[in-house]
Amino acid sequence: DVVAKAITRRMSETGADHVYLDGRAFGEDTWRRRFPTIWESCRAHGIDPARELIPVRPAAHHASGGVRTDLYGRTTIPGLYACGEVACTGVHGANRLASNSLLEGLVFAERIAADLATRLPEPRDPVPDDRPEGLLDPAVRGEVQQAMTAGAGVLRSRDSLDETCRRLMAARLRTSDEPCTEAWEATNLHLVASALAAAAREREETRGSHWREDFPDADERWLGHLVTVLRDGTITMEYQKKEEAP
């Protein structure tokens, strides 16, 4: 996190879209043996990391929030489960240590499977195909990614989050005539981004991976969860203190 923040600040100061990582001291043998995946990726892009600088920049890596569940992956919708990064289990707190994603995928997947074995109902009529109208244009996906990277990424502030929310609102006006997979993905991505940006703007403190430049310290009044709900197309939020959270 410290390195990512420093890189982001430097890019902002210089107007560059990347910085350089110098791994030449490793030598080719060490690169191939210890970092084979990165080695192959660099080579695929025409870069020899043993002899050249590597252009890098921060990117989203893990989601610490998500769909609210209990300790068995159950959501507030009966029969709907959530697991892994899509779920908010709370096991990582406000930030996840590196290489610990297996906990959610392994432990909660097993719990969900065990719960399903005792709760799975008999088959009933198929769910009606009530697809909503007004899915977003697939091209919105790129706009959402750019807006979130610029204003709701590693470094956040009231101004940057206001601008992000404004750009997301504008993107809602572009709809798709064809309910294709890409339109669904863009619509879902836009919804998650809108919820994330709104919650980040509301939480006026720095905690874990949520870093506010205008509120650099943790505030114990914010020791809890912001529960986001979509009601009639409008995002609403409810703050629950730690002792109130399940």
C-alpha atoms as a PDB file:
ATOM      1  CA  ASP A   1       0.000   0.000   0.000  1.00  0.00           C
ATOM      2  CA  VAL A   2       2.816   2.419   0.840  1.00  0.00           C
ATOM      3  CA  VAL A   3       4.504   1.796  -2.509  1.00  0.00           C
ATOM      4  CA  ALA A   4       1.211   2.067  -4.429  1.00  0.00           C
ATOM      5  CA  LYS A   5       0.451   5.429  -2.813  1.00  0.00           C
ATOM      6  CA  ALA A   6       3.945   6.725  -3.550  1.00  0.00           C
ATOM      7  CA  ILE A   7       3.688   5.635  -7.193  1.00  0.00           C
ATOM      8  CA  THR A   8       0.261   7.242  -7.572  1.00  0.00           C
ATOM      9  CA  ARG A   9       1.475  10.530  -6.086  1.00  0.00           C
ATOM     10  CA  ARG A  10       4.519  10.551  -8.345  1.00  0.00           C
ATOM     11  CA  MET A  11       2.396   9.891 -11.420  1.00  0.00           C
ATOM     12  CA  SER A  12       0.089  12.733 -10.395  1.00  0.00           C
ATOM     13  CA  GLU A  13       3.036  15.108  -9.952  1.00  0.00           C
ATOM     14  CA  THR A  14       4.639  14.291 -13.297  1.00  0.00           C
ATOM     15  CA  GLY A  15       1.560  13.566 -15.393  1.00  0.00           C
ATOM     16  CA  ALA A  16       3.009  10.169 -16.336  1.00  0.00           C
ATOM     17  CA  ASP A  17       0.840   7.088 -16.718  1.00  0.00           C
ATOM     18  CA  HIS A  18       3.456   4.744 -15.200  1.00  0.00           C
ATOM     19  CA  VAL A  19       6.777   4.505 -13.370  1.00  0.00           C
ATOM     20  CA  TYR A  20       9.611   2.044 -13.909  1.00  0.00           C
ATOM     21  CA  LEU A  21      10.528  -1.010 -11.843  1.00  0.00           C
ATOM     22  CA  ASP A  22      14.214  -1.930 -11.952  1.00  0.00           C
ATOM     23  CA  GLY A  23      14.707  -5.668 -11.510  1.00  0.00           C
ATOM     24  CA  ARG A  24      17.899  -5.986 -13.508  1.00  0.00           C
ATOM     25  CA  ALA A  25      19.955  -6.915 -10.444  1.00  0.00           C
ATOM     26  CA  PHE A  26      18.099 -10.240 -10.190  1.00  0.00           C
ATOM     27  CA  GLY A  27      19.592 -11.627 -13.359  1.00  0.00           C
ATOM     28  CA  GLU A  28      17.826 -13.921 -15.810  1.00  0.00           C
ATOM     29  CA  ASP A  29      18.208 -17.127 -13.765  1.00  0.00           C
ATOM     30  CA  THR A  30      16.527 -15.615 -10.694  1.00  0.00           C
ATOM     31  CA  TRP A  31      13.731 -14.134 -12.795  1.00  0.00           C
ATOM     32  CA  ARG A  32      13.003 -17.461 -14.440  1.00  0.00           C
ATOM     33  CA  ARG A  33      13.174 -19.431 -11.193  1.00  0.00           C
ATOM     34  CA  ARG A  34      11.411 -17.145  -8.701  1.00  0.00           C
ATOM     35  CA  PHE A  35       9.113 -15.034 -10.881  1.00  0.00           C
ATOM     36  CA  PRO A  36       8.281 -17.205 -13.912  1.00  0.00           C
ATOM     37  CA  THR A  37       4.797 -15.748 -14.452  1.00  0.00           C
ATOM     38  CA  ILE A  38       6.017 -12.139 -14.423  1.00  0.00           C
ATOM     39  CA  TRP A  39       8.952 -13.145 -16.612  1.00  0.00           C
ATOM     40  CA  GLU A  40       6.669 -14.671 -19.230  1.00  0.00           C
ATOM     41  CA  SER A  41       4.297 -11.701 -19.122  1.00  0.00           C
ATOM     42  CA  CYS A  42       7.137  -9.244 -19.647  1.00  0.00           C
ATOM     43  CA  ARG A  43       8.574 -11.282 -22.487  1.00  0.00           C
ATOM     44  CA  ALA A  44       5.145 -11.489 -24.128  1.00  0.00           C
ATOM     45  CA  HIS A  45       5.094  -7.671 -24.154  1.00  0.00           C
ATOM     46  CA  GLY A  46       8.577  -7.385 -25.607  1.00  0.00           C
ATOM     47  CA  ILE A  47      10.354  -6.549 -22.338  1.00  0.00           C
ATOM     48  CA  ASP A  48      13.415  -8.355 -20.984  1.00  0.00           C
ATOM     49  CA  PRO A  49      13.188  -7.711 -17.203  1.00  0.00           C
ATOM     50  CA  ALA A  50      16.735  -8.966 -16.667  1.00  0.00           C
ATOM     51  CA  ARG A  51      18.070  -6.191 -18.909  1.00  0.00           C
ATOM     52  CA  GLU A  52      15.342  -3.538 -19.165  1.00  0.00           C
ATOM     53  CA  LEU A  53      13.184  -1.398 -16.883  1.00  0.00           C
ATOM     54  CA  ILE A  54       9.582  -2.560 -16.440  1.00  0.00           C
ATOM     55  CA  PRO A  55       6.749   0.013 -16.754  1.00  0.00           C
ATOM     56  CA  VAL A  56       4.332  -0.432 -13.825  1.00  0.00           C
ATOM     57  CA  ARG A  57       1.364   1.305 -12.218  1.00  0.00           C
ATOM     58  CA  PRO A  58      -1.066   0.432  -9.380  1.00  0.00           C
ATOM     59  CA  ALA A  59      -4.196  -1.542 -10.250  1.00  0.00           C
ATOM     60  CA  ALA A  60      -7.149  -3.062  -8.398  1.00  0.00           C
ATOM     61  CA  HIS A  61      -6.144  -6.402  -6.909  1.00  0.00           C
ATOM     62  CA  HIS A  62      -8.661  -7.457  -4.259  1.00  0.00           C
ATOM     63  CA  ALA A  63     -12.129  -6.457  -3.064  1.00  0.00           C
ATOM     64  CA  SER A  64     -12.494  -6.302   0.727  1.00  0.00           C
ATOM     65  CA  GLY A  65     -16.196  -5.456   0.646  1.00  0.00           C
ATOM     66  CA  GLY A  66     -19.025  -7.127  -1.186  1.00  0.00           C
ATOM     67  CA  VAL A  67     -22.423  -8.741  -0.793  1.00  0.00           C
ATOM     68  CA  ARG A  68     -23.384  -8.990   2.839  1.00  0.00           C
ATOM     69  CA  THR A  69     -23.476 -12.588   4.096  1.00  0.00           C
ATOM     70  CA  ASP A  70     -23.477 -14.559   7.310  1.00  0.00           C
ATOM     71  CA  LEU A  71     -20.740 -17.050   8.208  1.00  0.00           C
ATOM     72  CA  TYR A  72     -22.329 -19.656   5.946  1.00  0.00           C
ATOM     73  CA  GLY A  73     -22.398 -17.512   2.815  1.00  0.00           C
ATOM     74  CA  ARG A  74     -26.145 -16.851   3.064  1.00  0.00           C
ATOM     75  CA  THR A  75     -27.385 -13.483   1.795  1.00  0.00           C
ATOM     76  CA  THR A  76     -30.633 -11.732   2.703  1.00  0.00           C
ATOM     77  CA  ILE A  77     -32.259 -13.395  -0.330  1.00  0.00           C
ATOM     78  CA  PRO A  78     -33.291 -16.964   0.590  1.00  0.00           C
ATOM     79  CA  GLY A  79     -31.396 -19.498  -1.491  1.00  0.00           C
ATOM     80  CA  LEU A  80     -28.815 -16.999  -2.762  1.00  0.00           C
ATOM     81  CA  TYR A  81     -25.248 -17.500  -1.534  1.00  0.00           C
ATOM     82  CA  ALA A  82     -22.110 -15.415  -2.041  1.00  0.00           C
ATOM     83  CA  CYS A  83     -18.526 -16.564  -1.672  1.00  0.00           C
ATOM     84  CA  GLY A  84     -14.991 -15.287  -2.180  1.00  0.00           C
ATOM     85  CA  GLU A  85     -14.248 -11.688  -3.117  1.00  0.00           C
ATOM     86  CA  VAL A  86     -17.877 -11.096  -4.112  1.00  0.00           C
ATOM     87  CA  ALA A  87     -18.876 -11.498  -0.443  1.00  0.00           C
ATOM     88  CA  CYS A  88     -18.270  -9.307   2.600  1.00  0.00           C
ATOM     89  CA  THR A  89     -17.344 -11.820   5.300  1.00  0.00           C
ATOM     90  CA  GLY A  90     -15.197  -9.493   7.398  1.00  0.00           C
ATOM     91  CA  VAL A  91     -12.446 -12.071   7.875  1.00  0.00           C
ATOM     92  CA  HIS A  92      -9.794  -9.708   6.489  1.00  0.00           C
ATOM     93  CA  GLY A  93     -10.931  -6.594   8.329  1.00  0.00           C
ATOM     94  CA  ALA A  94     -10.338  -3.358   6.441  1.00  0.00           C
ATOM     95  CA  ASN A  95      -7.474  -4.747   4.368  1.00  0.00           C
ATOM     96  CA  ARG A  96      -6.230  -8.128   3.230  1.00  0.00           C
ATOM     97  CA  LEU A  97      -2.707  -9.416   3.755  1.00  0.00           C
ATOM     98  CA  ALA A  98      -1.060 -10.653   0.577  1.00  0.00           C
ATOM     99  CA  SER A  99      -1.802 -14.196  -0.620  1.00  0.00           C
ATOM    100  CA  ASN A 100      -4.676 -14.825   1.809  1.00  0.00           C
ATOM    101  CA  SER A 101      -7.583 -14.976  -0.643  1.00  0.00           C
ATOM    102  CA  LEU A 102      -7.708 -18.767  -0.346  1.00  0.00           C
ATOM    103  CA  LEU A 103      -9.370 -18.428   3.072  1.00  0.00           C
ATOM    104  CA  GLU A 104     -12.644 -17.162   1.627  1.00  0.00           C
ATOM    105  CA  GLY A 105     -12.725 -19.405  -1.408  1.00  0.00           C
ATOM    106  CA  LEU A 106     -11.879 -22.583   0.506  1.00  0.00           C
ATOM    107  CA  VAL A 107     -13.552 -22.187   3.894  1.00  0.00           C
ATOM    108  CA  PHE A 108     -16.777 -20.522   2.829  1.00  0.00           C
ATOM    109  CA  ALA A 109     -17.212 -22.659  -0.275  1.00  0.00           C
ATOM    110  CA  GLU A 110     -17.173 -25.729   1.965  1.00  0.00           C
ATOM    111  CA  ARG A 111     -19.633 -24.130   4.381  1.00  0.00           C
ATOM    112  CA  ILE A 112     -22.002 -23.199   1.567  1.00  0.00           C
ATOM    113  CA  ALA A 113     -21.866 -26.717   0.147  1.00  0.00           C
ATOM    114  CA  ALA A 114     -22.649 -28.199   3.566  1.00  0.00           C
ATOM    115  CA  ASP A 115     -25.514 -25.755   4.084  1.00  0.00           C
ATOM    116  CA  LEU A 116     -26.963 -26.498   0.658  1.00  0.00           C
ATOM    117  CA  ALA A 117     -26.953 -30.209   1.423  1.00  0.00           C
ATOM    118  CA  THR A 118     -29.444 -29.640   4.245  1.00  0.00           C
ATOM    119  CA  ARG A 119     -31.445 -26.739   2.807  1.00  0.00           C
ATOM    120  CA  LEU A 120     -31.758 -27.430  -0.909  1.00  0.00           C
ATOM    121  CA  PRO A 121     -35.488 -27.378  -1.737  1.00  0.00           C
ATOM    122  CA  GLU A 122     -37.282 -29.547  -4.249  1.00  0.00           C
ATOM    123  CA  PRO A 123     -37.226 -28.256  -7.855  1.00  0.00           C
ATOM    124  CA  ARG A 124     -40.043 -25.854  -8.670  1.00  0.00           C
ATOM    125  CA  ASP A 125     -41.221 -23.852 -11.648  1.00  0.00           C
ATOM    126  CA  PRO A 126     -38.469 -21.937 -13.478  1.00  0.00           C
ATOM    127  CA  VAL A 127     -37.813 -18.371 -12.397  1.00  0.00           C
ATOM    128  CA  PRO A 128     -39.704 -15.955 -14.689  1.00  0.00           C
ATOM    129  CA  ASP A 129     -37.583 -14.090 -17.205  1.00  0.00           C
ATOM    130  CA  ASP A 130     -38.205 -10.606 -15.843  1.00  0.00           C
ATOM    131  CA  ARG A 131     -35.262  -8.881 -17.441  1.00  0.00           C
ATOM    132  CA  PRO A 132     -35.100  -5.151 -16.720  1.00  0.00           C
ATOM    133  CA  GLU A 133     -35.075  -2.606 -19.486  1.00  0.00           C
ATOM    134  CA  GLY A 134     -32.392   0.000 -19.884  1.00  0.00           C
ATOM    135  CA  LEU A 135     -29.179  -2.004 -19.688  1.00  0.00           C
ATOM    136  CA  LEU A 136     -26.131   0.176 -20.233  1.00  0.00           C
ATOM    137  CA  ASP A 137     -24.162   0.443 -23.442  1.00  0.00           C
ATOM    138  CA  PRO A 138     -21.193  -1.984 -23.290  1.00  0.00           C
ATOM    139  CA  ALA A 139     -18.889   0.959 -24.089  1.00  0.00           C
ATOM    140  CA  VAL A 140     -19.707   2.344 -20.631  1.00  0.00           C
ATOM    141  CA  ARG A 141     -17.436  -0.310 -19.124  1.00  0.00           C
ATOM    142  CA  GLY A 142     -14.283   1.525 -20.176  1.00  0.00           C
ATOM    143  CA  GLU A 143     -15.644   4.845 -18.925  1.00  0.00           C
ATOM    144  CA  VAL A 144     -16.428   3.313 -15.529  1.00  0.00           C
ATOM    145  CA  GLN A 145     -12.935   1.860 -15.264  1.00  0.00           C
ATOM    146  CA  GLN A 146     -11.332   5.189 -16.139  1.00  0.00           C
ATOM    147  CA  ALA A 147     -13.507   7.128 -13.688  1.00  0.00           C
ATOM    148  CA  MET A 148     -12.847   4.733 -10.816  1.00  0.00           C
ATOM    149  CA  THR A 149      -9.105   4.607 -11.441  1.00  0.00           C
ATOM    150  CA  ALA A 150      -8.856   8.395 -11.568  1.00  0.00           C
ATOM    151  CA  GLY A 151     -10.992   9.273  -8.556  1.00  0.00           C
ATOM    152  CA  ALA A 152     -11.695   6.224  -6.399  1.00  0.00           C
ATOM    153  CA  GLY A 153      -8.454   4.314  -6.652  1.00  0.00           C
ATOM    154  CA  VAL A 154      -5.441   4.269  -4.352  1.00  0.00           C
ATOM    155  CA  LEU A 155      -5.794   7.921  -3.301  1.00  0.00           C
ATOM    156  CA  ARG A 156      -9.211   9.436  -2.645  1.00  0.00           C
ATOM    157  CA  SER A 157     -10.596  12.807  -1.607  1.00  0.00           C
ATOM    158  CA  ARG A 158     -13.952  14.545  -1.517  1.00  0.00           C
ATOM    159  CA  ASP A 159     -13.202  16.327  -4.778  1.00  0.00           C
ATOM    160  CA  SER A 160     -12.045  13.193  -6.601  1.00  0.00           C
ATOM    161  CA  LEU A 161     -15.003  11.148  -5.358  1.00  0.00           C
ATOM    162  CA  ASP A 162     -17.470  13.905  -6.265  1.00  0.00           C
ATOM    163  CA  GLU A 163     -16.058  13.895  -9.790  1.00  0.00           C
ATOM    164  CA  THR A 164     -16.214  10.097  -9.957  1.00  0.00           C
ATOM    165  CA  CYS A 165     -19.856  10.067  -8.870  1.00  0.00           C
ATOM    166  CA  ARG A 166     -20.636  12.765 -11.445  1.00  0.00           C
ATOM    167  CA  ARG A 167     -19.036  10.751 -14.242  1.00  0.00           C
ATOM    168  CA  LEU A 168     -20.882   7.612 -13.174  1.00  0.00           C
ATOM    169  CA  MET A 169     -24.197   9.472 -13.155  1.00  0.00           C
ATOM    170  CA  ALA A 170     -23.526  10.746 -16.674  1.00  0.00           C
ATOM    171  CA  ALA A 171     -22.712   7.228 -17.854  1.00  0.00           C
ATOM    172  CA  ARG A 172     -26.172   6.038 -16.790  1.00  0.00           C
ATOM    173  CA  LEU A 173     -27.727   7.939 -19.669  1.00  0.00           C
ATOM    174  CA  ARG A 174     -26.193   5.652 -22.296  1.00  0.00           C
ATOM    175  CA  THR A 175     -28.356   2.565 -22.675  1.00  0.00           C
ATOM    176  CA  SER A 176     -28.160  -0.480 -24.917  1.00  0.00           C
ATOM    177  CA  ASP A 177     -30.815  -1.691 -27.334  1.00  0.00           C
ATOM    178  CA  GLU A 178     -29.511  -5.258 -27.152  1.00  0.00           C
ATOM    179  CA  PRO A 179     -29.548  -7.195 -23.810  1.00  0.00           C
ATOM    180  CA  CYS A 180     -26.251  -8.928 -24.583  1.00  0.00           C
ATOM    181  CA  THR A 181     -23.719 -10.303 -22.101  1.00  0.00           C
ATOM    182  CA  GLU A 182     -21.504  -7.242 -22.508  1.00  0.00           C
ATOM    183  CA  ALA A 183     -24.423  -4.928 -21.662  1.00  0.00           C
ATOM    184  CA  TRP A 184     -25.185  -6.921 -18.506  1.00  0.00           C
ATOM    185  CA  GLU A 185     -21.526  -6.800 -17.474  1.00  0.00           C
ATOM    186  CA  ALA A 186     -21.314  -3.044 -18.037  1.00  0.00           C
ATOM    187  CA  THR A 187     -24.549  -2.487 -16.093  1.00  0.00           C
ATOM    188  CA  ASN A 188     -23.431  -4.616 -13.156  1.00  0.00           C
ATOM    189  CA  LEU A 189     -19.979  -3.033 -13.117  1.00  0.00           C
ATOM    190  CA  HIS A 190     -21.549   0.423 -13.107  1.00  0.00           C
ATOM    191  CA  LEU A 191     -23.812  -0.490 -10.185  1.00  0.00           C
ATOM    192  CA  VAL A 192     -20.947  -1.839  -8.072  1.00  0.00           C
ATOM    193  CA  ALA A 193     -18.776   1.170  -8.932  1.00  0.00           C
ATOM    194  CA  SER A 194     -21.574   3.570  -7.966  1.00  0.00           C
ATOM    195  CA  ALA A 195     -22.056   1.846  -4.606  1.00  0.00           C
ATOM    196  CA  LEU A 196     -18.320   1.811  -3.928  1.00  0.00           C
ATOM    197  CA  ALA A 197     -17.787   5.467  -4.841  1.00  0.00           C
ATOM    198  CA  ALA A 198     -20.781   6.597  -2.779  1.00  0.00           C
ATOM    199  CA  ALA A 199     -19.587   4.659   0.277  1.00  0.00           C
ATOM    200  CA  ALA A 200     -16.021   5.929  -0.125  1.00  0.00           C
ATOM    201  CA  ARG A 201     -17.299   9.506  -0.275  1.00  0.00           C
ATOM    202  CA  GLU A 202     -19.437   8.962   2.825  1.00  0.00           C
ATOM    203  CA  ARG A 203     -16.636   7.435   4.921  1.00  0.00           C
ATOM    204  CA  GLU A 204     -14.628  10.479   5.967  1.00  0.00           C
ATOM    205  CA  GLU A 205     -11.603   8.723   7.416  1.00  0.00           C
ATOM    206  CA  THR A 206      -8.699   6.511   6.397  1.00  0.00           C
ATOM    207  CA  ARG A 207      -9.022   2.840   7.312  1.00  0.00           C
ATOM    208  CA  GLY A 208      -7.225  -0.125   5.789  1.00  0.00           C
ATOM    209  CA  SER A 209      -7.052   0.157   2.014  1.00  0.00           C
ATOM    210  CA  HIS A 210      -9.507   3.094   2.024  1.00  0.00           C
ATOM    211  CA  TRP A 211      -7.187   6.122   2.003  1.00  0.00           C
ATOM    212  CA  ARG A 212      -8.671   9.626   2.106  1.00  0.00           C
ATOM    213  CA  GLU A 213      -6.149  12.368   1.410  1.00  0.00           C
ATOM    214  CA  ASP A 214      -8.438  14.881   3.127  1.00  0.00           C
ATOM    215  CA  PHE A 215      -9.011  12.603   6.147  1.00  0.00           C
ATOM    216  CA  PRO A 216      -5.652  10.824   6.632  1.00  0.00           C
ATOM    217  CA  ASP A 217      -6.396   9.416  10.101  1.00  0.00           C
ATOM    218  CA  ALA A 218      -8.722   6.675  11.333  1.00  0.00           C
ATOM    219  CA  ASP A 219     -11.851   7.856  13.159  1.00  0.00           C
ATOM    220  CA  GLU A 220     -13.294   5.380  15.663  1.00  0.00           C
ATOM    221  CA  ARG A 221     -16.751   6.768  14.992  1.00  0.00           C
ATOM    222  CA  TRP A 222     -16.447   4.957  11.673  1.00  0.00           C
ATOM    223  CA  LEU A 223     -15.566   1.584  13.229  1.00  0.00           C
ATOM    224  CA  GLY A 224     -18.305  -0.366  11.491  1.00  0.00           C
ATOM    225  CA  HIS A 225     -19.933  -1.145   8.148  1.00  0.00           C
ATOM    226  CA  LEU A 226     -21.702   0.957   5.547  1.00  0.00           C
ATOM    227  CA  VAL A 227     -24.503  -1.270   4.273  1.00  0.00           C
ATOM    228  CA  THR A 228     -25.561  -0.253   0.759  1.00  0.00           C
ATOM    229  CA  VAL A 229     -28.979  -1.179  -0.597  1.00  0.00           C
ATOM    230  CA  LEU A 230     -30.522  -0.560  -4.014  1.00  0.00           C
ATOM    231  CA  ARG A 231     -34.148   0.517  -3.602  1.00  0.00           C
ATOM    232  CA  ASP A 232     -36.213   1.471  -6.648  1.00  0.00           C
ATOM    233  CA  GLY A 233     -33.066   2.224  -8.608  1.00  0.00           C
ATOM    234  CA  THR A 234     -31.611   4.465  -5.885  1.00  0.00           C
ATOM    235  CA  ILE A 235     -28.579   3.595  -3.754  1.00  0.00           C
ATOM    236  CA  THR A 236     -29.180   4.078  -0.026  1.00  0.00           C
ATOM    237  CA  MET A 237     -26.706   3.566   2.804  1.00  0.00           C
ATOM    238  CA  GLU A 238     -27.029   2.615   6.444  1.00  0.00           C
ATOM    239  CA  TYR A 239     -24.135   2.779   8.903  1.00  0.00           C
ATOM    240  CA  GLN A 240     -23.862  -0.049  11.416  1.00  0.00           C
ATOM    241  CA  LYS A 241     -21.370   0.174  14.241  1.00  0.00           C
ATOM    242  CA  LYS A 242     -19.116  -2.793  14.867  1.00  0.00           C
ATOM    243  CA  GLU A 243     -21.104  -4.082  17.831  1.00  0.00           C
ATOM    244  CA  GLU A 244     -24.311  -3.981  15.769  1.00  0.00           C
ATOM    245  CA  ALA A 245     -22.900  -5.875  12.795  1.00  0.00           C
ATOM    246  CA  PRO A 246     -23.706  -9.617  12.635  1.00  0.00           C
END
